Amino acid sequence: MDHLDRRALISTIALACLTGCTRSAKAATIDGRTFAGDGSGEGLRAQSGLTIKNSRFLNLGNGAIRVNVATDGLIVEQVEGRDLYRFLENTASDRSKPASLTNFRLRQITGEDIHRAMTRIRYGSRDGVIEDVIARASAETERYCTGFVLDDEAQSIIYRRCEAHGFAERDRSSGDYWNGDGFSDERGNKAIQYLSCTATGSTDGGFDLKSTDVLLSDCTAKDNKRNFRLWGSGKAENCRSEEPRSRGGSGRSAHFSFHGGSAKYVIERPVVRAAGDNDSPVFLFDNDEPANVEIRNADIDAPGAPLILAENSMPNIKWVPPREDQFIRTMD
């Protein structure tokens, strides 16, 4: 693949803007290109109907690919990125015109040495699939680094077999709360699905989810401070939590932690594993109002940890079947 100098890069961006285009026009394709920079600036700007494939993005700033206007039908597949601030950045050029991303597909993408985030998707973005995307953080991450970010009113987005590794803040004082998540979504988001996804090595949540009507299925979180950090409402089924660990800052580690107001979750067939010297609570509750949680058919082996720790309001927990009929091995 060709190494583009800056003049060629600008020409490629212009070409994408001129030929990529509306749904009625023939869709444009960028295939087999290399976009390289000096650590600042964008790679290219997305347009409706554009396909980007078999390409590389190297040493770029806030958006190897930037969605700056409302964009429909973007496809990015079989792409590599390295040494990037963000791979896909969703920020409008005109604040009065939200740059929603709709009916999009991001597939078979690997990002190495990511400083802030692999993807940030926001506004009213919807109906997207992100699958087989792997994000590995830089050794020099920015504050609030996160592998995959949803914000604003983004909804109906599916993550499938995505991975986030090592999104950890560094050089914070011991009294600060250390951020850094694998996957995050916010209170305005809804109907988000995380299917067979993995998060490891975060200084905060592996999955830090504030959205409503969320589904986690067959997900794994390991070696994050709080493997599953849940705020809103939804269901986690067949999810596995292993060896949570705090790397510093305030707040204790946990397998599943619940926060905010009255979180409402069904935890179906959770698998929890931790060594005898790991005292991270299996279920940690730090809610302003009682959380409502139904725990079904648990498989928990964490002999050095408390099963339940409530730091604020006591939760309402329903065990199905009764707790004594589930496989639970903890210190209490």
C-alpha atoms as a PDB file:
ATOM      1  CA  MET A   1       0.000   0.000   0.000  1.00  0.00           C
ATOM      2  CA  ASP A   2       1.209   3.520  -0.848  1.00  0.00           C
ATOM      3  CA  HIS A   3       2.456   5.863   1.811  1.00  0.00           C
ATOM      4  CA  LEU A   4       0.627   9.154   1.311  1.00  0.00           C
ATOM      5  CA  ASP A   5       2.318  12.471   1.854  1.00  0.00           C
ATOM      6  CA  ARG A   6       0.244  15.365   3.114  1.00  0.00           C
ATOM      7  CA  ARG A   7      -0.672  16.669  -0.347  1.00  0.00           C
ATOM      8  CA  ALA A   8      -1.888  13.257  -1.426  1.00  0.00           C
ATOM      9  CA  LEU A   9      -3.817  12.894   1.810  1.00  0.00           C
ATOM     10  CA  ILE A  10      -5.666  16.169   1.213  1.00  0.00           C
ATOM     11  CA  SER A  11      -6.439  15.085  -2.340  1.00  0.00           C
ATOM     12  CA  THR A  12      -7.868  11.801  -1.090  1.00  0.00           C
ATOM     13  CA  ILE A  13     -10.103  13.605   1.411  1.00  0.00           C
ATOM     14  CA  ALA A  14     -11.359  15.914  -1.332  1.00  0.00           C
ATOM     15  CA  LEU A  15     -12.034  12.937  -3.597  1.00  0.00           C
ATOM     16  CA  ALA A  16     -14.023  11.198  -0.875  1.00  0.00           C
ATOM     17  CA  CYS A  17     -16.083  14.344  -0.302  1.00  0.00           C
ATOM     18  CA  LEU A  18     -16.796  14.793  -4.006  1.00  0.00           C
ATOM     19  CA  THR A  19     -17.539  11.207  -4.959  1.00  0.00           C
ATOM     20  CA  GLY A  20     -18.935   9.635  -1.862  1.00  0.00           C
ATOM     21  CA  CYS A  21     -22.007  11.049  -1.476  1.00  0.00           C
ATOM     22  CA  THR A  22     -25.693  10.747  -1.526  1.00  0.00           C
ATOM     23  CA  ARG A  23     -27.791   7.610  -1.403  1.00  0.00           C
ATOM     24  CA  SER A  24     -28.933   8.290  -4.956  1.00  0.00           C
ATOM     25  CA  ALA A  25     -25.396   8.496  -6.311  1.00  0.00           C
ATOM     26  CA  LYS A  26     -23.129   5.532  -6.884  1.00  0.00           C
ATOM     27  CA  ALA A  27     -21.410   4.692  -3.610  1.00  0.00           C
ATOM     28  CA  ALA A  28     -17.715   5.568  -3.401  1.00  0.00           C
ATOM     29  CA  THR A  29     -15.056   3.110  -2.218  1.00  0.00           C
ATOM     30  CA  ILE A  30     -11.625   3.749  -0.754  1.00  0.00           C
ATOM     31  CA  ASP A  31      -9.640   0.532  -1.056  1.00  0.00           C
ATOM     32  CA  GLY A  32      -6.052  -0.328  -0.194  1.00  0.00           C
ATOM     33  CA  ARG A  33      -4.795   3.069   0.914  1.00  0.00           C
ATOM     34  CA  THR A  34      -2.509   4.260   3.704  1.00  0.00           C
ATOM     35  CA  PHE A  35      -3.265   7.477   5.570  1.00  0.00           C
ATOM     36  CA  ALA A  36      -0.311   8.696   7.640  1.00  0.00           C
ATOM     37  CA  GLY A  37       0.189  11.862   9.634  1.00  0.00           C
ATOM     38  CA  ASP A  38       2.364  13.561  12.224  1.00  0.00           C
ATOM     39  CA  GLY A  39       0.195  12.766  15.260  1.00  0.00           C
ATOM     40  CA  SER A  40      -2.288  15.591  14.688  1.00  0.00           C
ATOM     41  CA  GLY A  41      -5.141  16.114  12.292  1.00  0.00           C
ATOM     42  CA  GLU A  42      -7.674  13.776  10.710  1.00  0.00           C
ATOM     43  CA  GLY A  43      -7.256  10.996   8.204  1.00  0.00           C
ATOM     44  CA  LEU A  44     -10.427  11.442   6.174  1.00  0.00           C
ATOM     45  CA  ARG A  45     -14.028  12.555   6.590  1.00  0.00           C
ATOM     46  CA  ALA A  46     -16.894  10.129   6.137  1.00  0.00           C
ATOM     47  CA  GLN A  47     -19.726  10.634   3.677  1.00  0.00           C
ATOM     48  CA  SER A  48     -23.009   8.793   3.174  1.00  0.00           C
ATOM     49  CA  GLY A  49     -22.626   5.611   1.182  1.00  0.00           C
ATOM     50  CA  LEU A  50     -18.846   5.507   1.544  1.00  0.00           C
ATOM     51  CA  THR A  51     -17.007   2.179   1.937  1.00  0.00           C
ATOM     52  CA  ILE A  52     -13.469   2.139   3.345  1.00  0.00           C
ATOM     53  CA  LYS A  53     -11.629  -1.182   3.244  1.00  0.00           C
ATOM     54  CA  ASN A  54      -8.208  -2.834   3.205  1.00  0.00           C
ATOM     55  CA  SER A  55      -6.578   0.374   4.411  1.00  0.00           C
ATOM     56  CA  ARG A  56      -4.220   1.602   7.131  1.00  0.00           C
ATOM     57  CA  PHE A  57      -4.303   4.692   9.352  1.00  0.00           C
ATOM     58  CA  LEU A  58      -1.064   5.691  11.069  1.00  0.00           C
ATOM     59  CA  ASN A  59      -0.060   8.395  13.558  1.00  0.00           C
ATOM     60  CA  LEU A  60      -3.208  10.524  13.359  1.00  0.00           C
ATOM     61  CA  GLY A  61      -5.084  12.778  15.768  1.00  0.00           C
ATOM     62  CA  ASN A  62      -8.757  13.135  16.672  1.00  0.00           C
ATOM     63  CA  GLY A  63     -10.312  11.003  13.965  1.00  0.00           C
ATOM     64  CA  ALA A  64      -8.510   8.690  11.606  1.00  0.00           C
ATOM     65  CA  ILE A  65     -12.064   8.702  10.253  1.00  0.00           C
ATOM     66  CA  ARG A  66     -14.233  11.632  11.274  1.00  0.00           C
ATOM     67  CA  VAL A  67     -18.014  11.820  10.979  1.00  0.00           C
ATOM     68  CA  ASN A  68     -18.651  15.578  10.914  1.00  0.00           C
ATOM     69  CA  VAL A  69     -22.053  15.702   9.181  1.00  0.00           C
ATOM     70  CA  ALA A  70     -25.123  13.452   9.241  1.00  0.00           C
ATOM     71  CA  THR A  71     -23.947  10.260   7.553  1.00  0.00           C
ATOM     72  CA  ASP A  72     -25.911   7.208   6.432  1.00  0.00           C
ATOM     73  CA  GLY A  73     -24.620   3.864   5.242  1.00  0.00           C
ATOM     74  CA  LEU A  74     -20.938   4.154   6.126  1.00  0.00           C
ATOM     75  CA  ILE A  75     -19.013   0.855   5.910  1.00  0.00           C
ATOM     76  CA  VAL A  76     -15.491   0.403   7.301  1.00  0.00           C
ATOM     77  CA  GLU A  77     -13.985  -3.073   7.079  1.00  0.00           C
ATOM     78  CA  GLN A  78     -10.670  -4.929   7.090  1.00  0.00           C
ATOM     79  CA  VAL A  79      -8.774  -1.897   8.326  1.00  0.00           C
ATOM     80  CA  GLU A  80      -5.775  -1.368  10.623  1.00  0.00           C
ATOM     81  CA  GLY A  81      -4.898   1.657  12.739  1.00  0.00           C
ATOM     82  CA  ARG A  82      -1.837   2.465  14.851  1.00  0.00           C
ATOM     83  CA  ASP A  83      -0.788   5.366  17.080  1.00  0.00           C
ATOM     84  CA  LEU A  84      -4.116   7.216  16.996  1.00  0.00           C
ATOM     85  CA  TYR A  85      -5.879   9.638  19.339  1.00  0.00           C
ATOM     86  CA  ARG A  86      -9.239   8.277  18.164  1.00  0.00           C
ATOM     87  CA  PHE A  87      -9.934   5.916  15.288  1.00  0.00           C
ATOM     88  CA  LEU A  88     -13.528   6.992  14.596  1.00  0.00           C
ATOM     89  CA  GLU A  89     -14.587  10.399  15.907  1.00  0.00           C
ATOM     90  CA  ASN A  90     -18.179  11.636  15.640  1.00  0.00           C
ATOM     91  CA  THR A  91     -18.137  15.441  16.056  1.00  0.00           C
ATOM     92  CA  ALA A  92     -20.199  17.893  13.994  1.00  0.00           C
ATOM     93  CA  SER A  93     -18.531  20.767  12.190  1.00  0.00           C
ATOM     94  CA  ASP A  94     -21.686  22.849  12.739  1.00  0.00           C
ATOM     95  CA  ARG A  95     -23.025  22.535  16.283  1.00  0.00           C
ATOM     96  CA  SER A  96     -26.532  23.360  15.090  1.00  0.00           C
ATOM     97  CA  LYS A  97     -26.524  20.308  12.792  1.00  0.00           C
ATOM     98  CA  PRO A  98     -25.963  17.017  14.671  1.00  0.00           C
ATOM     99  CA  ALA A  99     -23.699  14.601  12.839  1.00  0.00           C
ATOM    100  CA  SER A 100     -25.732  11.458  13.483  1.00  0.00           C
ATOM    101  CA  LEU A 101     -24.328   8.220  12.064  1.00  0.00           C
ATOM    102  CA  THR A 102     -27.028   5.811  10.863  1.00  0.00           C
ATOM    103  CA  ASN A 103     -27.170   2.350   9.273  1.00  0.00           C
ATOM    104  CA  PHE A 104     -23.435   1.880   9.612  1.00  0.00           C
ATOM    105  CA  ARG A 105     -21.091  -1.121   9.766  1.00  0.00           C
ATOM    106  CA  LEU A 106     -17.625  -1.276  11.309  1.00  0.00           C
ATOM    107  CA  ARG A 107     -16.079  -4.734  10.785  1.00  0.00           C
ATOM    108  CA  GLN A 108     -12.762  -6.537  11.134  1.00  0.00           C
ATOM    109  CA  ILE A 109     -10.764  -3.579  12.412  1.00  0.00           C
ATOM    110  CA  THR A 110      -7.695  -3.615  14.639  1.00  0.00           C
ATOM    111  CA  GLY A 111      -6.450  -0.554  16.492  1.00  0.00           C
ATOM    112  CA  GLU A 112      -3.075  -0.537  18.255  1.00  0.00           C
ATOM    113  CA  ASP A 113      -1.577   2.202  20.424  1.00  0.00           C
ATOM    114  CA  ILE A 114      -4.872   4.076  20.921  1.00  0.00           C
ATOM    115  CA  HIS A 115      -4.491   7.154  23.136  1.00  0.00           C
ATOM    116  CA  ARG A 116      -8.092   8.202  23.865  1.00  0.00           C
ATOM    117  CA  ALA A 117     -10.710   5.958  22.218  1.00  0.00           C
ATOM    118  CA  MET A 118     -11.212   3.523  19.366  1.00  0.00           C
ATOM    119  CA  THR A 119     -14.679   4.869  18.574  1.00  0.00           C
ATOM    120  CA  ARG A 120     -16.860   7.707  19.858  1.00  0.00           C
ATOM    121  CA  ILE A 121     -20.422   7.685  18.506  1.00  0.00           C
ATOM    122  CA  ARG A 122     -23.054  10.185  19.605  1.00  0.00           C
ATOM    123  CA  TYR A 123     -25.936  12.542  18.696  1.00  0.00           C
ATOM    124  CA  GLY A 124     -28.934  10.510  17.438  1.00  0.00           C
ATOM    125  CA  SER A 125     -26.781   7.801  15.897  1.00  0.00           C
ATOM    126  CA  ARG A 126     -28.604   4.495  15.478  1.00  0.00           C
ATOM    127  CA  ASP A 127     -28.885   1.155  13.719  1.00  0.00           C
ATOM    128  CA  GLY A 128     -25.216   0.288  13.634  1.00  0.00           C
ATOM    129  CA  VAL A 129     -23.155  -2.889  13.954  1.00  0.00           C
ATOM    130  CA  ILE A 130     -19.604  -2.912  15.298  1.00  0.00           C
ATOM    131  CA  GLU A 131     -18.137  -6.395  15.035  1.00  0.00           C
ATOM    132  CA  ASP A 132     -14.744  -8.057  15.281  1.00  0.00           C
ATOM    133  CA  VAL A 133     -13.103  -4.779  16.265  1.00  0.00           C
ATOM    134  CA  ILE A 134     -10.093  -4.956  18.596  1.00  0.00           C
ATOM    135  CA  ALA A 135      -8.784  -1.900  20.453  1.00  0.00           C
ATOM    136  CA  ARG A 136      -5.501  -1.913  22.371  1.00  0.00           C
ATOM    137  CA  ALA A 137      -4.598   1.164  24.358  1.00  0.00           C
ATOM    138  CA  SER A 138      -1.351   3.078  24.212  1.00  0.00           C
ATOM    139  CA  ALA A 139       1.125   2.988  27.088  1.00  0.00           C
ATOM    140  CA  GLU A 140       0.571   6.772  27.178  1.00  0.00           C
ATOM    141  CA  THR A 141      -3.199   7.140  27.378  1.00  0.00           C
ATOM    142  CA  GLU A 142      -5.100  10.402  27.787  1.00  0.00           C
ATOM    143  CA  ARG A 143      -7.435  11.169  30.702  1.00  0.00           C
ATOM    144  CA  TYR A 144     -10.855   9.499  30.401  1.00  0.00           C
ATOM    145  CA  CYS A 145      -9.542   6.999  27.873  1.00  0.00           C
ATOM    146  CA  THR A 146     -12.122   4.409  26.805  1.00  0.00           C
ATOM    147  CA  GLY A 147     -12.092   1.708  24.163  1.00  0.00           C
ATOM    148  CA  PHE A 148     -15.617   2.185  22.784  1.00  0.00           C
ATOM    149  CA  VAL A 149     -17.794   5.209  23.659  1.00  0.00           C
ATOM    150  CA  LEU A 150     -21.490   5.964  23.146  1.00  0.00           C
ATOM    151  CA  ASP A 151     -22.992   9.306  24.134  1.00  0.00           C
ATOM    152  CA  ASP A 152     -26.011  11.600  23.712  1.00  0.00           C
ATOM    153  CA  GLU A 153     -29.050   9.721  22.312  1.00  0.00           C
ATOM    154  CA  ALA A 154     -27.299   6.972  20.356  1.00  0.00           C
ATOM    155  CA  GLN A 155     -29.460   3.834  20.255  1.00  0.00           C
ATOM    156  CA  SER A 156     -29.999   0.409  18.693  1.00  0.00           C
ATOM    157  CA  ILE A 157     -26.298  -0.309  18.246  1.00  0.00           C
ATOM    158  CA  ILE A 158     -24.810  -3.812  18.405  1.00  0.00           C
ATOM    159  CA  TYR A 159     -21.261  -4.665  19.452  1.00  0.00           C
ATOM    160  CA  ARG A 160     -20.333  -8.210  18.449  1.00  0.00           C
ATOM    161  CA  ARG A 161     -17.021  -9.912  19.354  1.00  0.00           C
ATOM    162  CA  CYS A 162     -15.333  -6.608  20.120  1.00  0.00           C
ATOM    163  CA  GLU A 163     -12.365  -6.314  22.479  1.00  0.00           C
ATOM    164  CA  ALA A 164     -10.904  -3.462  24.544  1.00  0.00           C
ATOM    165  CA  HIS A 165      -7.578  -3.936  26.297  1.00  0.00           C
ATOM    166  CA  GLY A 166      -5.556  -1.736  28.638  1.00  0.00           C
ATOM    167  CA  PHE A 167      -7.555   1.503  28.777  1.00  0.00           C
ATOM    168  CA  ALA A 168      -5.971   2.701  31.991  1.00  0.00           C
ATOM    169  CA  GLU A 169      -5.263   6.148  33.375  1.00  0.00           C
ATOM    170  CA  ARG A 170      -1.815   6.784  34.799  1.00  0.00           C
ATOM    171  CA  ASP A 171      -0.113   9.410  36.927  1.00  0.00           C
ATOM    172  CA  ARG A 172      -3.250  10.292  38.871  1.00  0.00           C
ATOM    173  CA  SER A 173      -2.949  11.119  42.565  1.00  0.00           C
ATOM    174  CA  SER A 174      -3.986   8.423  45.008  1.00  0.00           C
ATOM    175  CA  GLY A 175      -6.972  10.501  46.146  1.00  0.00           C
ATOM    176  CA  ASP A 176      -8.433  10.892  42.648  1.00  0.00           C
ATOM    177  CA  TYR A 177     -10.908   8.550  41.036  1.00  0.00           C
ATOM    178  CA  TRP A 178      -9.053   6.838  38.210  1.00  0.00           C
ATOM    179  CA  ASN A 179     -11.136   6.604  35.045  1.00  0.00           C
ATOM    180  CA  GLY A 180     -10.487   4.400  32.026  1.00  0.00           C
ATOM    181  CA  ASP A 181     -13.094   1.982  30.650  1.00  0.00           C
ATOM    182  CA  GLY A 182     -13.272  -0.758  28.070  1.00  0.00           C
ATOM    183  CA  PHE A 183     -16.840   0.022  26.922  1.00  0.00           C
ATOM    184  CA  SER A 184     -19.051   2.896  28.059  1.00  0.00           C
ATOM    185  CA  ASP A 185     -22.500   4.237  27.298  1.00  0.00           C
ATOM    186  CA  GLU A 186     -24.540   7.060  28.836  1.00  0.00           C
ATOM    187  CA  ARG A 187     -27.999   7.770  30.234  1.00  0.00           C
ATOM    188  CA  GLY A 188     -29.436   8.962  26.923  1.00  0.00           C
ATOM    189  CA  ASN A 189     -28.481   5.741  25.154  1.00  0.00           C
ATOM    190  CA  LYS A 190     -30.862   2.788  24.847  1.00  0.00           C
ATOM    191  CA  ALA A 191     -31.243  -0.647  23.280  1.00  0.00           C
ATOM    192  CA  ILE A 192     -27.495  -1.243  23.114  1.00  0.00           C
ATOM    193  CA  GLN A 193     -26.267  -4.839  22.777  1.00  0.00           C
ATOM    194  CA  TYR A 194     -22.862  -6.213  23.773  1.00  0.00           C
ATOM    195  CA  LEU A 195     -22.508  -9.739  22.373  1.00  0.00           C
ATOM    196  CA  SER A 196     -19.444 -11.899  23.092  1.00  0.00           C
ATOM    197  CA  CYS A 197     -17.333  -8.837  23.899  1.00  0.00           C
ATOM    198  CA  THR A 198     -14.224  -8.691  26.105  1.00  0.00           C
ATOM    199  CA  ALA A 199     -12.706  -5.968  28.289  1.00  0.00           C
ATOM    200  CA  THR A 200      -9.434  -6.271  30.213  1.00  0.00           C
ATOM    201  CA  GLY A 201      -6.995  -4.084  32.100  1.00  0.00           C
ATOM    202  CA  SER A 202      -9.091  -0.938  32.710  1.00  0.00           C
ATOM    203  CA  THR A 203      -8.560   1.348  35.697  1.00  0.00           C
ATOM    204  CA  ASP A 204     -12.331   1.757  36.016  1.00  0.00           C
ATOM    205  CA  GLY A 205     -15.061  -0.311  34.378  1.00  0.00           C
ATOM    206  CA  GLY A 206     -14.602  -3.090  31.901  1.00  0.00           C
ATOM    207  CA  PHE A 207     -18.202  -2.352  30.919  1.00  0.00           C
ATOM    208  CA  ASP A 208     -19.374   0.986  32.392  1.00  0.00           C
ATOM    209  CA  LEU A 209     -22.983   1.214  31.273  1.00  0.00           C
ATOM    210  CA  LYS A 210     -25.551   3.910  32.132  1.00  0.00           C
ATOM    211  CA  SER A 211     -27.990   3.190  29.308  1.00  0.00           C
ATOM    212  CA  THR A 212     -31.473   1.696  29.533  1.00  0.00           C
ATOM    213  CA  ASP A 213     -32.653  -1.584  28.050  1.00  0.00           C
ATOM    214  CA  VAL A 214     -29.100  -2.853  27.579  1.00  0.00           C
ATOM    215  CA  LEU A 215     -28.194  -6.466  26.834  1.00  0.00           C
ATOM    216  CA  LEU A 216     -24.875  -8.104  27.655  1.00  0.00           C
ATOM    217  CA  SER A 217     -24.586 -11.667  26.422  1.00  0.00           C
ATOM    218  CA  ASP A 218     -21.577 -14.004  26.662  1.00  0.00           C
ATOM    219  CA  CYS A 219     -19.263 -11.131  27.608  1.00  0.00           C
ATOM    220  CA  THR A 220     -16.026 -11.445  29.584  1.00  0.00           C
ATOM    221  CA  ALA A 221     -14.434  -8.849  31.866  1.00  0.00           C
ATOM    222  CA  LYS A 222     -11.078  -9.516  33.508  1.00  0.00           C
ATOM    223  CA  ASP A 223      -8.534  -7.521  35.481  1.00  0.00           C
ATOM    224  CA  ASN A 224     -10.545  -4.278  35.465  1.00  0.00           C
ATOM    225  CA  LYS A 225     -11.217  -2.396  38.690  1.00  0.00           C
ATOM    226  CA  ARG A 226     -14.952  -3.017  38.333  1.00  0.00           C
ATOM    227  CA  ASN A 227     -15.510  -5.628  35.699  1.00  0.00           C
ATOM    228  CA  PHE A 228     -19.186  -4.803  35.128  1.00  0.00           C
ATOM    229  CA  ARG A 229     -20.229  -1.308  36.310  1.00  0.00           C
ATOM    230  CA  LEU A 230     -23.988  -1.005  35.844  1.00  0.00           C
ATOM    231  CA  TRP A 231     -26.202   2.061  36.321  1.00  0.00           C
ATOM    232  CA  GLY A 232     -29.366   1.894  34.228  1.00  0.00           C
ATOM    233  CA  SER A 233     -31.476  -1.117  33.332  1.00  0.00           C
ATOM    234  CA  GLY A 234     -31.121  -4.293  31.362  1.00  0.00           C
ATOM    235  CA  LYS A 235     -29.922  -7.874  31.389  1.00  0.00           C
ATOM    236  CA  ALA A 236     -26.550  -9.611  31.608  1.00  0.00           C
ATOM    237  CA  GLU A 237     -26.637 -13.268  30.558  1.00  0.00           C
ATOM    238  CA  ASN A 238     -23.805 -15.815  30.529  1.00  0.00           C
ATOM    239  CA  CYS A 239     -21.289 -13.119  31.417  1.00  0.00           C
ATOM    240  CA  ARG A 240     -17.970 -13.967  33.045  1.00  0.00           C
ATOM    241  CA  SER A 241     -16.045 -11.886  35.595  1.00  0.00           C
ATOM    242  CA  GLU A 242     -12.468 -12.757  36.541  1.00  0.00           C
ATOM    243  CA  GLU A 243      -9.992 -11.285  39.012  1.00  0.00           C
ATOM    244  CA  PRO A 244     -10.962  -7.614  39.317  1.00  0.00           C
ATOM    245  CA  ARG A 245      -8.043  -5.419  40.376  1.00  0.00           C
ATOM    246  CA  SER A 246      -7.571  -1.817  41.434  1.00  0.00           C
ATOM    247  CA  ARG A 247      -4.482  -0.117  40.060  1.00  0.00           C
ATOM    248  CA  GLY A 248      -4.904   3.009  42.187  1.00  0.00           C
ATOM    249  CA  GLY A 249      -7.192   5.861  43.176  1.00  0.00           C
ATOM    250  CA  SER A 250     -10.360   5.928  45.245  1.00  0.00           C
ATOM    251  CA  GLY A 251     -13.078   3.293  45.109  1.00  0.00           C
ATOM    252  CA  ARG A 252     -12.712  -0.429  45.570  1.00  0.00           C
ATOM    253  CA  SER A 253     -12.692  -3.196  43.000  1.00  0.00           C
ATOM    254  CA  ALA A 254     -15.670  -5.479  42.320  1.00  0.00           C
ATOM    255  CA  HIS A 255     -17.002  -8.100  39.948  1.00  0.00           C
ATOM    256  CA  PHE A 256     -20.452  -6.537  39.426  1.00  0.00           C
ATOM    257  CA  SER A 257     -21.114  -3.061  40.828  1.00  0.00           C
ATOM    258  CA  PHE A 258     -24.346  -1.080  40.738  1.00  0.00           C
ATOM    259  CA  HIS A 259     -24.531   2.730  40.881  1.00  0.00           C
ATOM    260  CA  GLY A 260     -26.655   5.847  40.504  1.00  0.00           C
ATOM    261  CA  GLY A 261     -30.358   5.729  41.258  1.00  0.00           C
ATOM    262  CA  SER A 262     -32.379   2.543  41.354  1.00  0.00           C
ATOM    263  CA  ALA A 263     -30.585   0.334  38.859  1.00  0.00           C
ATOM    264  CA  LYS A 264     -32.743  -2.521  37.574  1.00  0.00           C
ATOM    265  CA  TYR A 265     -31.009  -5.616  36.204  1.00  0.00           C
ATOM    266  CA  VAL A 266     -31.440  -9.324  35.600  1.00  0.00           C
ATOM    267  CA  ILE A 267     -28.159 -11.204  36.023  1.00  0.00           C
ATOM    268  CA  GLU A 268     -28.647 -14.577  34.319  1.00  0.00           C
ATOM    269  CA  ARG A 269     -26.076 -17.385  34.782  1.00  0.00           C
ATOM    270  CA  PRO A 270     -23.163 -15.192  35.890  1.00  0.00           C
ATOM    271  CA  VAL A 271     -19.788 -16.933  36.111  1.00  0.00           C
ATOM    272  CA  VAL A 272     -17.410 -15.439  38.683  1.00  0.00           C
ATOM    273  CA  ARG A 273     -13.856 -16.600  39.321  1.00  0.00           C
ATOM    274  CA  ALA A 274     -11.252 -15.180  41.698  1.00  0.00           C
ATOM    275  CA  ALA A 275      -8.341 -16.488  43.726  1.00  0.00           C
ATOM    276  CA  GLY A 276      -8.562 -16.842  47.486  1.00  0.00           C
ATOM    277  CA  ASP A 277      -6.537 -13.658  48.088  1.00  0.00           C
ATOM    278  CA  ASN A 278      -8.849 -11.480  45.976  1.00  0.00           C
ATOM    279  CA  ASP A 279     -11.352  -9.767  48.297  1.00  0.00           C
ATOM    280  CA  SER A 280     -13.262  -7.847  45.597  1.00  0.00           C
ATOM    281  CA  PRO A 281     -17.007  -8.125  46.355  1.00  0.00           C
ATOM    282  CA  VAL A 282     -19.000 -10.161  43.888  1.00  0.00           C
ATOM    283  CA  PHE A 283     -21.967  -7.762  44.010  1.00  0.00           C
ATOM    284  CA  LEU A 284     -21.159  -4.213  45.163  1.00  0.00           C
ATOM    285  CA  PHE A 285     -24.024  -1.748  45.614  1.00  0.00           C
ATOM    286  CA  ASP A 286     -23.384   2.004  45.739  1.00  0.00           C
ATOM    287  CA  ASN A 287     -26.814   3.391  44.892  1.00  0.00           C
ATOM    288  CA  ASP A 288     -28.685   6.480  46.055  1.00  0.00           C
ATOM    289  CA  GLU A 289     -31.875   4.399  46.005  1.00  0.00           C
ATOM    290  CA  PRO A 290     -32.266   0.627  46.377  1.00  0.00           C
ATOM    291  CA  ALA A 291     -31.225  -1.279  43.269  1.00  0.00           C
ATOM    292  CA  ASN A 292     -33.527  -4.030  42.056  1.00  0.00           C
ATOM    293  CA  VAL A 293     -31.571  -7.064  40.911  1.00  0.00           C
ATOM    294  CA  GLU A 294     -32.643 -10.595  40.032  1.00  0.00           C
ATOM    295  CA  ILE A 295     -29.834 -13.162  40.110  1.00  0.00           C
ATOM    296  CA  ARG A 296     -30.475 -16.443  38.322  1.00  0.00           C
ATOM    297  CA  ASN A 297     -28.462 -19.672  38.322  1.00  0.00           C
ATOM    298  CA  ALA A 298     -25.179 -18.195  39.504  1.00  0.00           C
ATOM    299  CA  ASP A 299     -21.840 -20.003  39.242  1.00  0.00           C
ATOM    300  CA  ILE A 300     -19.616 -18.154  41.699  1.00  0.00           C
ATOM    301  CA  ASP A 301     -16.238 -19.265  43.036  1.00  0.00           C
ATOM    302  CA  ALA A 302     -14.566 -16.382  44.891  1.00  0.00           C
ATOM    303  CA  PRO A 303     -13.588 -17.815  48.285  1.00  0.00           C
ATOM    304  CA  GLY A 304     -11.833 -14.689  49.598  1.00  0.00           C
ATOM    305  CA  ALA A 305     -14.587 -12.210  48.727  1.00  0.00           C
ATOM    306  CA  PRO A 306     -17.906 -11.138  50.223  1.00  0.00           C
ATOM    307  CA  LEU A 307     -20.885 -12.055  48.098  1.00  0.00           C
ATOM    308  CA  ILE A 308     -22.693  -8.755  48.721  1.00  0.00           C
ATOM    309  CA  LEU A 309     -21.429  -5.383  49.925  1.00  0.00           C
ATOM    310  CA  ALA A 310     -23.807  -2.403  50.189  1.00  0.00           C
ATOM    311  CA  GLU A 311     -22.016   0.924  50.609  1.00  0.00           C
ATOM    312  CA  ASN A 312     -25.182   3.027  50.469  1.00  0.00           C
ATOM    313  CA  SER A 313     -28.782   1.848  50.043  1.00  0.00           C
ATOM    314  CA  MET A 314     -29.532  -1.812  50.649  1.00  0.00           C
ATOM    315  CA  PRO A 315     -30.588  -3.539  47.412  1.00  0.00           C
ATOM    316  CA  ASN A 316     -33.654  -5.586  46.665  1.00  0.00           C
ATOM    317  CA  ILE A 317     -32.337  -8.955  45.461  1.00  0.00           C
ATOM    318  CA  LYS A 318     -34.413 -11.820  44.112  1.00  0.00           C
ATOM    319  CA  TRP A 319     -32.637 -15.182  43.844  1.00  0.00           C
ATOM    320  CA  VAL A 320     -33.947 -17.629  41.221  1.00  0.00           C
ATOM    321  CA  PRO A 321     -33.753 -20.416  42.316  1.00  0.00           C
ATOM    322  CA  PRO A 322     -33.251 -19.567  46.016  1.00  0.00           C
ATOM    323  CA  ARG A 323     -29.711 -18.550  46.945  1.00  0.00           C
ATOM    324  CA  GLU A 324     -28.992 -21.808  48.753  1.00  0.00           C
ATOM    325  CA  ASP A 325     -29.776 -23.737  45.559  1.00  0.00           C
ATOM    326  CA  GLN A 326     -27.286 -21.854  43.428  1.00  0.00           C
ATOM    327  CA  PHE A 327     -23.553 -22.618  43.222  1.00  0.00           C
ATOM    328  CA  ILE A 328     -21.975 -19.881  45.340  1.00  0.00           C
ATOM    329  CA  ARG A 329     -18.654 -20.143  47.129  1.00  0.00           C
ATOM    330  CA  THR A 330     -17.606 -16.924  48.857  1.00  0.00           C
ATOM    331  CA  MET A 331     -16.250 -15.952  52.282  1.00  0.00           C
ATOM    332  CA  ASP A 332     -19.732 -15.474  53.768  1.00  0.00           C
END
